[in-house]
Amino acid sequence: AVNSGTSALNLALSLMDIKNKEVIVPSLTFVSTIHAIKLNGGKP
């Protein structure tokens, strides 16, 4: 359990080491989904 859905996404992606890697994702979503990729050094 964490304090928000945004935190959940940030932490889940932190497990995968996506720095300089690509994450396939829809654009029709709340911006948190995409921020989480960026915060972990990935490219949406």
PDB file of all heavy atoms in Angstrom:
ATOM      1  N   ALA A   1       0.833  -1.202   0.000  1.00  0.00           N
ATOM      2  CA  ALA A   1       0.000   0.000   0.000  1.00  0.00           C
ATOM      3  C   ALA A   1       0.866   1.250   0.000  1.00  0.00           C
ATOM      4  O   ALA A   1       1.917   1.284   0.651  1.00  0.00           O
ATOM      5  CB  ALA A   1      -0.917  -0.002   1.224  1.00  0.00           C
ATOM      6  N   VAL A   2       0.418   2.263  -0.733  1.00  0.00           N
ATOM      7  CA  VAL A   2       1.144   3.542  -0.820  1.00  0.00           C
ATOM      8  C   VAL A   2       0.147   4.700  -0.705  1.00  0.00           C
ATOM      9  O   VAL A   2      -1.039   4.477  -0.473  1.00  0.00           O
ATOM     10  CB  VAL A   2       1.969   3.641  -2.129  1.00  0.00           C
ATOM     11  CG1 VAL A   2       3.158   2.705  -2.097  1.00  0.00           C
ATOM     12  CG2 VAL A   2       1.108   3.352  -3.366  1.00  0.00           C
ATOM     13  N   ASN A   3       0.630   5.927  -0.865  1.00  0.00           N
ATOM     14  CA  ASN A   3      -0.234   7.087  -0.600  1.00  0.00           C
ATOM     15  C   ASN A   3      -0.990   7.611  -1.816  1.00  0.00           C
ATOM     16  O   ASN A   3      -1.772   8.546  -1.697  1.00  0.00           O
ATOM     17  CB  ASN A   3       0.575   8.214   0.047  1.00  0.00           C
ATOM     18  CG  ASN A   3       1.697   8.717  -0.844  1.00  0.00           C
ATOM     19  OD1 ASN A   3       1.916   8.193  -1.930  1.00  0.00           O
ATOM     20  ND2 ASN A   3       2.417   9.717  -0.387  1.00  0.00           N
ATOM     21  N   SER A   4      -0.788   7.023  -3.003  1.00  0.00           N
ATOM     22  CA  SER A   4      -1.552   7.452  -4.187  1.00  0.00           C
ATOM     23  C   SER A   4      -1.303   6.500  -5.346  1.00  0.00           C
ATOM     24  O   SER A   4      -0.333   5.729  -5.338  1.00  0.00           O
ATOM     25  CB  SER A   4      -1.149   8.875  -4.626  1.00  0.00           C
ATOM     26  OG  SER A   4       0.143   8.862  -5.198  1.00  0.00           O
ATOM     27  N   GLY A   5      -2.172   6.599  -6.346  1.00  0.00           N
ATOM     28  CA  GLY A   5      -1.968   5.822  -7.572  1.00  0.00           C
ATOM     29  C   GLY A   5      -0.712   6.256  -8.308  1.00  0.00           C
ATOM     30  O   GLY A   5      -0.030   5.449  -8.944  1.00  0.00           O
ATOM     31  N   THR A   6      -0.404   7.546  -8.221  1.00  0.00           N
ATOM     32  CA  THR A   6       0.809   8.080  -8.847  1.00  0.00           C
ATOM     33  C   THR A   6       2.050   7.441  -8.224  1.00  0.00           C
ATOM     34  O   THR A   6       2.961   6.999  -8.931  1.00  0.00           O
ATOM     35  CB  THR A   6       0.863   9.619  -8.678  1.00  0.00           C
ATOM     36  OG1 THR A   6      -0.319  10.184  -9.242  1.00  0.00           O
ATOM     37  CG2 THR A   6       2.076  10.223  -9.353  1.00  0.00           C
ATOM     38  N   SER A   7       2.070   7.374  -6.894  1.00  0.00           N
ATOM     39  CA  SER A   7       3.188   6.741  -6.188  1.00  0.00           C
ATOM     40  C   SER A   7       3.308   5.264  -6.579  1.00  0.00           C
ATOM     41  O   SER A   7       4.408   4.748  -6.766  1.00  0.00           O
ATOM     42  CB  SER A   7       2.996   6.825  -4.671  1.00  0.00           C
ATOM     43  OG  SER A   7       2.874   8.157  -4.260  1.00  0.00           O
ATOM     44  N   ALA A   8       2.150   4.597  -6.709  1.00  0.00           N
ATOM     45  CA  ALA A   8       2.138   3.182  -7.099  1.00  0.00           C
ATOM     46  C   ALA A   8       2.819   2.995  -8.455  1.00  0.00           C
ATOM     47  O   ALA A   8       3.667   2.108  -8.628  1.00  0.00           O
ATOM     48  CB  ALA A   8       0.707   2.659  -7.142  1.00  0.00           C
ATOM     49  N   LEU A   9       2.477   3.849  -9.415  1.00  0.00           N
ATOM     50  CA  LEU A   9       3.076   3.766 -10.756  1.00  0.00           C
ATOM     51  C   LEU A   9       4.581   4.062 -10.712  1.00  0.00           C
ATOM     52  O   LEU A   9       5.379   3.360 -11.336  1.00  0.00           O
ATOM     53  CB  LEU A   9       2.376   4.742 -11.706  1.00  0.00           C
ATOM     54  CG  LEU A   9       0.983   4.329 -12.169  1.00  0.00           C
ATOM     55  CD1 LEU A   9       0.175   5.530 -12.635  1.00  0.00           C
ATOM     56  CD2 LEU A   9       1.073   3.291 -13.290  1.00  0.00           C
ATOM     57  N   ASN A  10       4.952   5.120  -9.972  1.00  0.00           N
ATOM     58  CA  ASN A  10       6.379   5.469  -9.860  1.00  0.00           C
ATOM     59  C   ASN A  10       7.175   4.307  -9.297  1.00  0.00           C
ATOM     60  O   ASN A  10       8.256   3.957  -9.806  1.00  0.00           O
ATOM     61  CB  ASN A  10       6.571   6.685  -8.940  1.00  0.00           C
ATOM     62  CG  ASN A  10       6.111   7.980  -9.580  1.00  0.00           C
ATOM     63  OD1 ASN A  10       5.878   8.039 -10.783  1.00  0.00           O
ATOM     64  ND2 ASN A  10       5.967   9.012  -8.792  1.00  0.00           N
ATOM     65  N   LEU A  11       6.669   3.710  -8.238  1.00  0.00           N
ATOM     66  CA  LEU A  11       7.390   2.623  -7.574  1.00  0.00           C
ATOM     67  C   LEU A  11       7.419   1.355  -8.427  1.00  0.00           C
ATOM     68  O   LEU A  11       8.455   0.691  -8.512  1.00  0.00           O
ATOM     69  CB  LEU A  11       6.754   2.317  -6.212  1.00  0.00           C
ATOM     70  CG  LEU A  11       7.058   3.302  -5.095  1.00  0.00           C
ATOM     71  CD1 LEU A  11       6.329   2.915  -3.829  1.00  0.00           C
ATOM     72  CD2 LEU A  11       8.555   3.386  -4.810  1.00  0.00           C
ATOM     73  N   ALA A  12       6.292   1.013  -9.034  1.00  0.00           N
ATOM     74  CA  ALA A  12       6.251  -0.206  -9.864  1.00  0.00           C
ATOM     75  C   ALA A  12       7.255  -0.115 -11.009  1.00  0.00           C
ATOM     76  O   ALA A  12       7.988  -1.067 -11.292  1.00  0.00           O
ATOM     77  CB  ALA A  12       4.843  -0.415 -10.407  1.00  0.00           C
ATOM     78  N   LEU A  13       7.314   1.058 -11.646  1.00  0.00           N
ATOM     79  CA  LEU A  13       8.267   1.218 -12.755  1.00  0.00           C
ATOM     80  C   LEU A  13       9.705   1.272 -12.261  1.00  0.00           C
ATOM     81  O   LEU A  13      10.624   0.897 -12.986  1.00  0.00           O
ATOM     82  CB  LEU A  13       7.923   2.472 -13.570  1.00  0.00           C
ATOM     83  CG  LEU A  13       6.713   2.300 -14.505  1.00  0.00           C
ATOM     84  CD1 LEU A  13       6.203   3.640 -15.000  1.00  0.00           C
ATOM     85  CD2 LEU A  13       7.055   1.407 -15.696  1.00  0.00           C
ATOM     86  N   SER A  14       9.909   1.693 -11.007  1.00  0.00           N
ATOM     87  CA  SER A  14      11.272   1.732 -10.462  1.00  0.00           C
ATOM     88  C   SER A  14      11.855   0.321 -10.331  1.00  0.00           C
ATOM     89  O   SER A  14      13.065   0.141 -10.260  1.00  0.00           O
ATOM     90  CB  SER A  14      11.298   2.440  -9.095  1.00  0.00           C
ATOM     91  OG  SER A  14      10.907   1.570  -8.046  1.00  0.00           O
ATOM     92  N   LEU A  15      10.987  -0.694 -10.308  1.00  0.00           N
ATOM     93  CA  LEU A  15      11.453  -2.085 -10.195  1.00  0.00           C
ATOM     94  C   LEU A  15      12.082  -2.582 -11.497  1.00  0.00           C
ATOM     95  O   LEU A  15      12.804  -3.579 -11.488  1.00  0.00           O
ATOM     96  CB  LEU A  15      10.266  -3.013  -9.872  1.00  0.00           C
ATOM     97  CG  LEU A  15       9.582  -2.850  -8.524  1.00  0.00           C
ATOM     98  CD1 LEU A  15       8.269  -3.630  -8.507  1.00  0.00           C
ATOM     99  CD2 LEU A  15      10.490  -3.304  -7.392  1.00  0.00           C
ATOM    100  N   MET A  16      11.786  -1.913 -12.602  1.00  0.00           N
ATOM    101  CA  MET A  16      12.123  -2.468 -13.922  1.00  0.00           C
ATOM    102  C   MET A  16      13.355  -1.860 -14.589  1.00  0.00           C
ATOM    103  O   MET A  16      13.704  -2.255 -15.692  1.00  0.00           O
ATOM    104  CB  MET A  16      10.916  -2.313 -14.871  1.00  0.00           C
ATOM    105  CG  MET A  16       9.659  -2.973 -14.361  1.00  0.00           C
ATOM    106  SD  MET A  16       9.907  -4.720 -14.009  1.00  0.00           S
ATOM    107  CE  MET A  16       8.556  -5.057 -12.886  1.00  0.00           C
ATOM    108  N   ASP A  17      13.971  -0.875 -13.974  1.00  0.00           N
ATOM    109  CA  ASP A  17      15.138  -0.195 -14.536  1.00  0.00           C
ATOM    110  C   ASP A  17      14.901   0.186 -16.006  1.00  0.00           C
ATOM    111  O   ASP A  17      15.454  -0.407 -16.937  1.00  0.00           O
ATOM    112  CB  ASP A  17      16.397  -1.063 -14.395  1.00  0.00           C
ATOM    113  CG  ASP A  17      17.659  -0.295 -14.827  1.00  0.00           C
ATOM    114  OD1 ASP A  17      17.596   0.944 -14.901  1.00  0.00           O
ATOM    115  OD2 ASP A  17      18.691  -0.944 -15.093  1.00  0.00           O
ATOM    116  N   ILE A  18      14.066   1.200 -16.200  1.00  0.00           N
ATOM    117  CA  ILE A  18      13.692   1.602 -17.565  1.00  0.00           C
ATOM    118  C   ILE A  18      14.502   2.806 -18.064  1.00  0.00           C
ATOM    119  O   ILE A  18      14.136   3.427 -19.057  1.00  0.00           O
ATOM    120  CB  ILE A  18      12.178   1.900 -17.667  1.00  0.00           C
ATOM    121  CG1 ILE A  18      11.748   3.023 -16.697  1.00  0.00           C
ATOM    122  CG2 ILE A  18      11.361   0.647 -17.439  1.00  0.00           C
ATOM    123  CD1 ILE A  18      10.361   3.598 -16.956  1.00  0.00           C
ATOM    124  N   LYS A  19      15.583   3.138 -17.386  1.00  0.00           N
ATOM    125  CA  LYS A  19      16.384   4.297 -17.805  1.00  0.00           C
ATOM    126  C   LYS A  19      16.844   4.118 -19.254  1.00  0.00           C
ATOM    127  O   LYS A  19      17.416   3.092 -19.624  1.00  0.00           O
ATOM    128  CB  LYS A  19      17.594   4.465 -16.884  1.00  0.00           C
ATOM    129  CG  LYS A  19      18.222   5.821 -17.028  1.00  0.00           C
ATOM    130  CD  LYS A  19      19.239   6.109 -15.961  1.00  0.00           C
ATOM    131  CE  LYS A  19      19.723   7.543 -16.125  1.00  0.00           C
ATOM    132  NZ  LYS A  19      20.773   7.892 -15.196  1.00  0.00           N
ATOM    133  N   ASN A  20      16.545   5.141 -20.070  1.00  0.00           N
ATOM    134  CA  ASN A  20      16.852   5.138 -21.513  1.00  0.00           C
ATOM    135  C   ASN A  20      16.161   4.002 -22.275  1.00  0.00           C
ATOM    136  O   ASN A  20      16.566   3.642 -23.377  1.00  0.00           O
ATOM    137  CB  ASN A  20      18.369   5.078 -21.755  1.00  0.00           C
ATOM    138  CG  ASN A  20      19.062   6.266 -21.120  1.00  0.00           C
ATOM    139  OD1 ASN A  20      18.560   7.382 -21.173  1.00  0.00           O
ATOM    140  ND2 ASN A  20      20.196   6.022 -20.480  1.00  0.00           N
ATOM    141  N   LYS A  21      15.121   3.445 -21.680  1.00  0.00           N
ATOM    142  CA  LYS A  21      14.339   2.397 -22.346  1.00  0.00           C
ATOM    143  C   LYS A  21      12.959   2.953 -22.706  1.00  0.00           C
ATOM    144  O   LYS A  21      12.560   4.020 -22.241  1.00  0.00           O
ATOM    145  CB  LYS A  21      14.168   1.179 -21.424  1.00  0.00           C
ATOM    146  CG  LYS A  21      15.467   0.499 -21.030  1.00  0.00           C
ATOM    147  CD  LYS A  21      16.098  -0.206 -22.213  1.00  0.00           C
ATOM    148  CE  LYS A  21      17.359  -0.955 -21.808  1.00  0.00           C
ATOM    149  NZ  LYS A  21      18.000  -1.578 -22.971  1.00  0.00           N
ATOM    150  N   GLU A  22      12.229   2.191 -23.533  1.00  0.00           N
ATOM    151  CA  GLU A  22      10.918   2.646 -23.998  1.00  0.00           C
ATOM    152  C   GLU A  22       9.787   1.880 -23.314  1.00  0.00           C
ATOM    153  O   GLU A  22       9.904   0.676 -23.053  1.00  0.00           O
ATOM    154  CB  GLU A  22      10.813   2.475 -25.512  1.00  0.00           C
ATOM    155  CG  GLU A  22      11.752   3.404 -26.260  1.00  0.00           C
ATOM    156  CD  GLU A  22      11.799   3.178 -27.760  1.00  0.00           C
ATOM    157  OE1 GLU A  22      11.219   2.172 -28.245  1.00  0.00           O
ATOM    158  OE2 GLU A  22      12.420   4.003 -28.459  1.00  0.00           O
ATOM    159  N   VAL A  23       8.711   2.608 -23.031  1.00  0.00           N
ATOM    160  CA  VAL A  23       7.518   2.014 -22.425  1.00  0.00           C
ATOM    161  C   VAL A  23       6.327   2.308 -23.334  1.00  0.00           C
ATOM    162  O   VAL A  23       6.036   3.469 -23.623  1.00  0.00           O
ATOM    163  CB  VAL A  23       7.264   2.589 -21.010  1.00  0.00           C
ATOM    164  CG1 VAL A  23       5.965   2.021 -20.422  1.00  0.00           C
ATOM    165  CG2 VAL A  23       8.445   2.303 -20.079  1.00  0.00           C
ATOM    166  N   ILE A  24       5.676   1.256 -23.791  1.00  0.00           N
ATOM    167  CA  ILE A  24       4.516   1.411 -24.683  1.00  0.00           C
ATOM    168  C   ILE A  24       3.271   1.639 -23.838  1.00  0.00           C
ATOM    169  O   ILE A  24       2.980   0.878 -22.905  1.00  0.00           O
ATOM    170  CB  ILE A  24       4.376   0.171 -25.593  1.00  0.00           C
ATOM    171  CG1 ILE A  24       5.531   0.171 -26.609  1.00  0.00           C
ATOM    172  CG2 ILE A  24       3.028   0.147 -26.289  1.00  0.00           C
ATOM    173  CD1 ILE A  24       5.604  -1.045 -27.495  1.00  0.00           C
ATOM    174  N   VAL A  25       2.534   2.709 -24.171  1.00  0.00           N
ATOM    175  CA  VAL A  25       1.455   3.173 -23.292  1.00  0.00           C
ATOM    176  C   VAL A  25       0.423   3.939 -24.118  1.00  0.00           C
ATOM    177  O   VAL A  25       0.765   4.526 -25.148  1.00  0.00           O
ATOM    178  CB  VAL A  25       2.085   4.078 -22.184  1.00  0.00           C
ATOM    179  CG1 VAL A  25       2.630   5.382 -22.773  1.00  0.00           C
ATOM    180  CG2 VAL A  25       1.130   4.364 -21.049  1.00  0.00           C
ATOM    181  N   PRO A  26      -0.858   3.946 -23.712  1.00  0.00           N
ATOM    182  CA  PRO A  26      -1.812   4.807 -24.423  1.00  0.00           C
ATOM    183  C   PRO A  26      -1.635   6.261 -23.999  1.00  0.00           C
ATOM    184  O   PRO A  26      -1.165   6.537 -22.886  1.00  0.00           O
ATOM    185  CB  PRO A  26      -3.178   4.276 -23.958  1.00  0.00           C
ATOM    186  CG  PRO A  26      -2.912   3.673 -22.617  1.00  0.00           C
ATOM    187  CD  PRO A  26      -1.504   3.152 -22.646  1.00  0.00           C
ATOM    188  N   SER A  27      -2.025   7.170 -24.858  1.00  0.00           N
ATOM    189  CA  SER A  27      -1.981   8.605 -24.529  1.00  0.00           C
ATOM    190  C   SER A  27      -3.268   9.039 -23.832  1.00  0.00           C
ATOM    191  O   SER A  27      -3.298  10.048 -23.145  1.00  0.00           O
ATOM    192  CB  SER A  27      -1.779   9.411 -25.815  1.00  0.00           C
ATOM    193  OG  SER A  27      -1.968  10.785 -25.584  1.00  0.00           O
ATOM    194  N   LEU A  28      -4.339   8.240 -24.005  1.00  0.00           N
ATOM    195  CA  LEU A  28      -5.620   8.559 -23.376  1.00  0.00           C
ATOM    196  C   LEU A  28      -5.614   8.011 -21.947  1.00  0.00           C
ATOM    197  O   LEU A  28      -6.064   6.899 -21.674  1.00  0.00           O
ATOM    198  CB  LEU A  28      -6.780   7.958 -24.178  1.00  0.00           C
ATOM    199  CG  LEU A  28      -8.170   8.490 -23.806  1.00  0.00           C
ATOM    200  CD1 LEU A  28      -8.334   9.953 -24.192  1.00  0.00           C
ATOM    201  CD2 LEU A  28      -9.264   7.650 -24.445  1.00  0.00           C
ATOM    202  N   THR A  29      -5.048   8.812 -21.049  1.00  0.00           N
ATOM    203  CA  THR A  29      -4.920   8.429 -19.649  1.00  0.00           C
ATOM    204  C   THR A  29      -4.656   9.682 -18.837  1.00  0.00           C
ATOM    205  O   THR A  29      -4.391  10.746 -19.406  1.00  0.00           O
ATOM    206  CB  THR A  29      -3.771   7.408 -19.464  1.00  0.00           C
ATOM    207  OG1 THR A  29      -3.719   7.005 -18.085  1.00  0.00           O
ATOM    208  CG2 THR A  29      -2.420   7.976 -19.862  1.00  0.00           C
ATOM    209  N   PHE A  30      -4.699   9.563 -17.514  1.00  0.00           N
ATOM    210  CA  PHE A  30      -4.299  10.689 -16.681  1.00  0.00           C
ATOM    211  C   PHE A  30      -2.788  10.835 -16.780  1.00  0.00           C
ATOM    212  O   PHE A  30      -2.061   9.851 -16.906  1.00  0.00           O
ATOM    213  CB  PHE A  30      -4.742  10.459 -15.233  1.00  0.00           C
ATOM    214  CG  PHE A  30      -4.489  11.646 -14.341  1.00  0.00           C
ATOM    215  CD1 PHE A  30      -4.993  12.898 -14.665  1.00  0.00           C
ATOM    216  CD2 PHE A  30      -3.736  11.520 -13.181  1.00  0.00           C
ATOM    217  CE1 PHE A  30      -4.757  14.006 -13.853  1.00  0.00           C
ATOM    218  CE2 PHE A  30      -3.497  12.611 -12.357  1.00  0.00           C
ATOM    219  CZ  PHE A  30      -4.003  13.859 -12.692  1.00  0.00           C
ATOM    220  N   VAL A  31      -2.302  12.057 -16.715  1.00  0.00           N
ATOM    221  CA  VAL A  31      -0.896  12.353 -16.975  1.00  0.00           C
ATOM    222  C   VAL A  31       0.063  11.622 -16.024  1.00  0.00           C
ATOM    223  O   VAL A  31       1.223  11.372 -16.366  1.00  0.00           O
ATOM    224  CB  VAL A  31      -0.665  13.891 -16.971  1.00  0.00           C
ATOM    225  CG1 VAL A  31      -0.753  14.463 -15.554  1.00  0.00           C
ATOM    226  CG2 VAL A  31       0.657  14.263 -17.642  1.00  0.00           C
ATOM    227  N   SER A  32      -0.406  11.230 -14.833  1.00  0.00           N
ATOM    228  CA  SER A  32       0.433  10.480 -13.877  1.00  0.00           C
ATOM    229  C   SER A  32       1.066   9.241 -14.506  1.00  0.00           C
ATOM    230  O   SER A  32       2.207   8.901 -14.208  1.00  0.00           O
ATOM    231  CB  SER A  32      -0.399   9.990 -12.690  1.00  0.00           C
ATOM    232  OG  SER A  32      -0.673  11.026 -11.819  1.00  0.00           O
ATOM    233  N   THR A  33       0.284   8.549 -15.340  1.00  0.00           N
ATOM    234  CA  THR A  33       0.779   7.319 -15.972  1.00  0.00           C
ATOM    235  C   THR A  33       2.067   7.608 -16.732  1.00  0.00           C
ATOM    236  O   THR A  33       3.037   6.842 -16.671  1.00  0.00           O
ATOM    237  CB  THR A  33      -0.279   6.754 -16.957  1.00  0.00           C
ATOM    238  OG1 THR A  33      -1.561   6.805 -16.353  1.00  0.00           O
ATOM    239  CG2 THR A  33       0.039   5.333 -17.355  1.00  0.00           C
ATOM    240  N   ILE A  34       2.084   8.742 -17.423  1.00  0.00           N
ATOM    241  CA  ILE A  34       3.223   9.088 -18.278  1.00  0.00           C
ATOM    242  C   ILE A  34       4.345   9.726 -17.456  1.00  0.00           C
ATOM    243  O   ILE A  34       5.520   9.448 -17.691  1.00  0.00           O
ATOM    244  CB  ILE A  34       2.775  10.027 -19.432  1.00  0.00           C
ATOM    245  CG1 ILE A  34       1.465   9.522 -20.075  1.00  0.00           C
ATOM    246  CG2 ILE A  34       3.884  10.146 -20.479  1.00  0.00           C
ATOM    247  CD1 ILE A  34       1.474   8.109 -20.616  1.00  0.00           C
ATOM    248  N   HIS A  35       3.978  10.558 -16.483  1.00  0.00           N
ATOM    249  CA  HIS A  35       4.994  11.139 -15.597  1.00  0.00           C
ATOM    250  C   HIS A  35       5.833  10.047 -14.940  1.00  0.00           C
ATOM    251  O   HIS A  35       7.044  10.199 -14.767  1.00  0.00           O
ATOM    252  CB  HIS A  35       4.326  11.968 -14.489  1.00  0.00           C
ATOM    253  CG  HIS A  35       3.921  13.354 -14.905  1.00  0.00           C
ATOM    254  ND1 HIS A  35       4.325  13.943 -16.086  1.00  0.00           N
ATOM    255  CD2 HIS A  35       3.138  14.276 -14.265  1.00  0.00           C
ATOM    256  CE1 HIS A  35       3.810  15.160 -16.169  1.00  0.00           C
ATOM    257  NE2 HIS A  35       3.089  15.391 -15.078  1.00  0.00           N
ATOM    258  N   ALA A  36       5.183   8.961 -14.539  1.00  0.00           N
ATOM    259  CA  ALA A  36       5.884   7.870 -13.842  1.00  0.00           C
ATOM    260  C   ALA A  36       6.980   7.269 -14.738  1.00  0.00           C
ATOM    261  O   ALA A  36       8.053   6.904 -14.254  1.00  0.00           O
ATOM    262  CB  ALA A  36       4.896   6.794 -13.413  1.00  0.00           C
ATOM    263  N   ILE A  37       6.704   7.203 -16.034  1.00  0.00           N
ATOM    264  CA  ILE A  37       7.711   6.691 -16.980  1.00  0.00           C
ATOM    265  C   ILE A  37       8.893   7.651 -17.021  1.00  0.00           C
ATOM    266  O   ILE A  37      10.056   7.263 -16.902  1.00  0.00           O
ATOM    267  CB  ILE A  37       7.093   6.524 -18.397  1.00  0.00           C
ATOM    268  CG1 ILE A  37       5.955   5.497 -18.368  1.00  0.00           C
ATOM    269  CG2 ILE A  37       8.164   6.125 -19.418  1.00  0.00           C
ATOM    270  CD1 ILE A  37       5.083   5.484 -19.624  1.00  0.00           C
ATOM    271  N   LYS A  38       8.590   8.930 -17.181  1.00  0.00           N
ATOM    272  CA  LYS A  38       9.606   9.982 -17.275  1.00  0.00           C
ATOM    273  C   LYS A  38      10.455  10.059 -15.998  1.00  0.00           C
ATOM    274  O   LYS A  38      11.678  10.184 -16.062  1.00  0.00           O
ATOM    275  CB  LYS A  38       8.877  11.314 -17.505  1.00  0.00           C
ATOM    276  CG  LYS A  38       9.708  12.365 -18.187  1.00  0.00           C
ATOM    277  CD  LYS A  38       9.707  12.193 -19.686  1.00  0.00           C
ATOM    278  CE  LYS A  38      10.243  13.454 -20.348  1.00  0.00           C
ATOM    279  NZ  LYS A  38      10.621  13.207 -21.736  1.00  0.00           N
ATOM    280  N   LEU A  39       9.786   9.997 -14.841  1.00  0.00           N
ATOM    281  CA  LEU A  39      10.499  10.089 -13.561  1.00  0.00           C
ATOM    282  C   LEU A  39      11.501   8.948 -13.370  1.00  0.00           C
ATOM    283  O   LEU A  39      12.483   9.086 -12.650  1.00  0.00           O
ATOM    284  CB  LEU A  39       9.507  10.083 -12.395  1.00  0.00           C
ATOM    285  CG  LEU A  39       8.798  11.407 -12.114  1.00  0.00           C
ATOM    286  CD1 LEU A  39       7.620  11.205 -11.188  1.00  0.00           C
ATOM    287  CD2 LEU A  39       9.769  12.431 -11.506  1.00  0.00           C
ATOM    288  N   ASN A  40      11.226   7.838 -14.028  1.00  0.00           N
ATOM    289  CA  ASN A  40      12.131   6.693 -13.939  1.00  0.00           C
ATOM    290  C   ASN A  40      13.129   6.631 -15.104  1.00  0.00           C
ATOM    291  O   ASN A  40      13.791   5.611 -15.298  1.00  0.00           O
ATOM    292  CB  ASN A  40      11.320   5.394 -13.855  1.00  0.00           C
ATOM    293  CG  ASN A  40      10.779   5.156 -12.460  1.00  0.00           C
ATOM    294  OD1 ASN A  40      11.496   4.713 -11.580  1.00  0.00           O
ATOM    295  ND2 ASN A  40       9.512   5.489 -12.251  1.00  0.00           N
ATOM    296  N   GLY A  41      13.205   7.735 -15.853  1.00  0.00           N
ATOM    297  CA  GLY A  41      14.204   7.828 -16.926  1.00  0.00           C
ATOM    298  C   GLY A  41      13.824   7.134 -18.217  1.00  0.00           C
ATOM    299  O   GLY A  41      14.641   6.977 -19.122  1.00  0.00           O
ATOM    300  N   GLY A  42      12.549   6.714 -18.316  1.00  0.00           N
ATOM    301  CA  GLY A  42      12.096   6.019 -19.522  1.00  0.00           C
ATOM    302  C   GLY A  42      11.489   6.961 -20.540  1.00  0.00           C
ATOM    303  O   GLY A  42      11.274   8.150 -20.275  1.00  0.00           O
ATOM    304  N   LYS A  43      11.196   6.407 -21.713  1.00  0.00           N
ATOM    305  CA  LYS A  43      10.589   7.201 -22.787  1.00  0.00           C
ATOM    306  C   LYS A  43       9.225   6.605 -23.131  1.00  0.00           C
ATOM    307  O   LYS A  43       9.131   5.429 -23.497  1.00  0.00           O
ATOM    308  CB  LYS A  43      11.497   7.179 -24.016  1.00  0.00           C
ATOM    309  CG  LYS A  43      10.973   8.047 -25.157  1.00  0.00           C
ATOM    310  CD  LYS A  43      11.816   7.911 -26.419  1.00  0.00           C
ATOM    311  CE  LYS A  43      11.229   8.742 -27.551  1.00  0.00           C
ATOM    312  NZ  LYS A  43      11.913   8.510 -28.830  1.00  0.00           N
ATOM    313  N   PRO A  44       8.138   7.410 -22.978  1.00  0.00           N
ATOM    314  CA  PRO A  44       6.820   6.888 -23.347  1.00  0.00           C
ATOM    315  C   PRO A  44       6.668   6.796 -24.863  1.00  0.00           C
ATOM    316  O   PRO A  44       7.010   7.730 -25.587  1.00  0.00           O
ATOM    317  CB  PRO A  44       5.848   7.920 -22.764  1.00  0.00           C
ATOM    318  CG  PRO A  44       6.638   9.177 -22.607  1.00  0.00           C
ATOM    319  CD  PRO A  44       8.077   8.793 -22.465  1.00  0.00           C
TER     320      PRO A  44
END
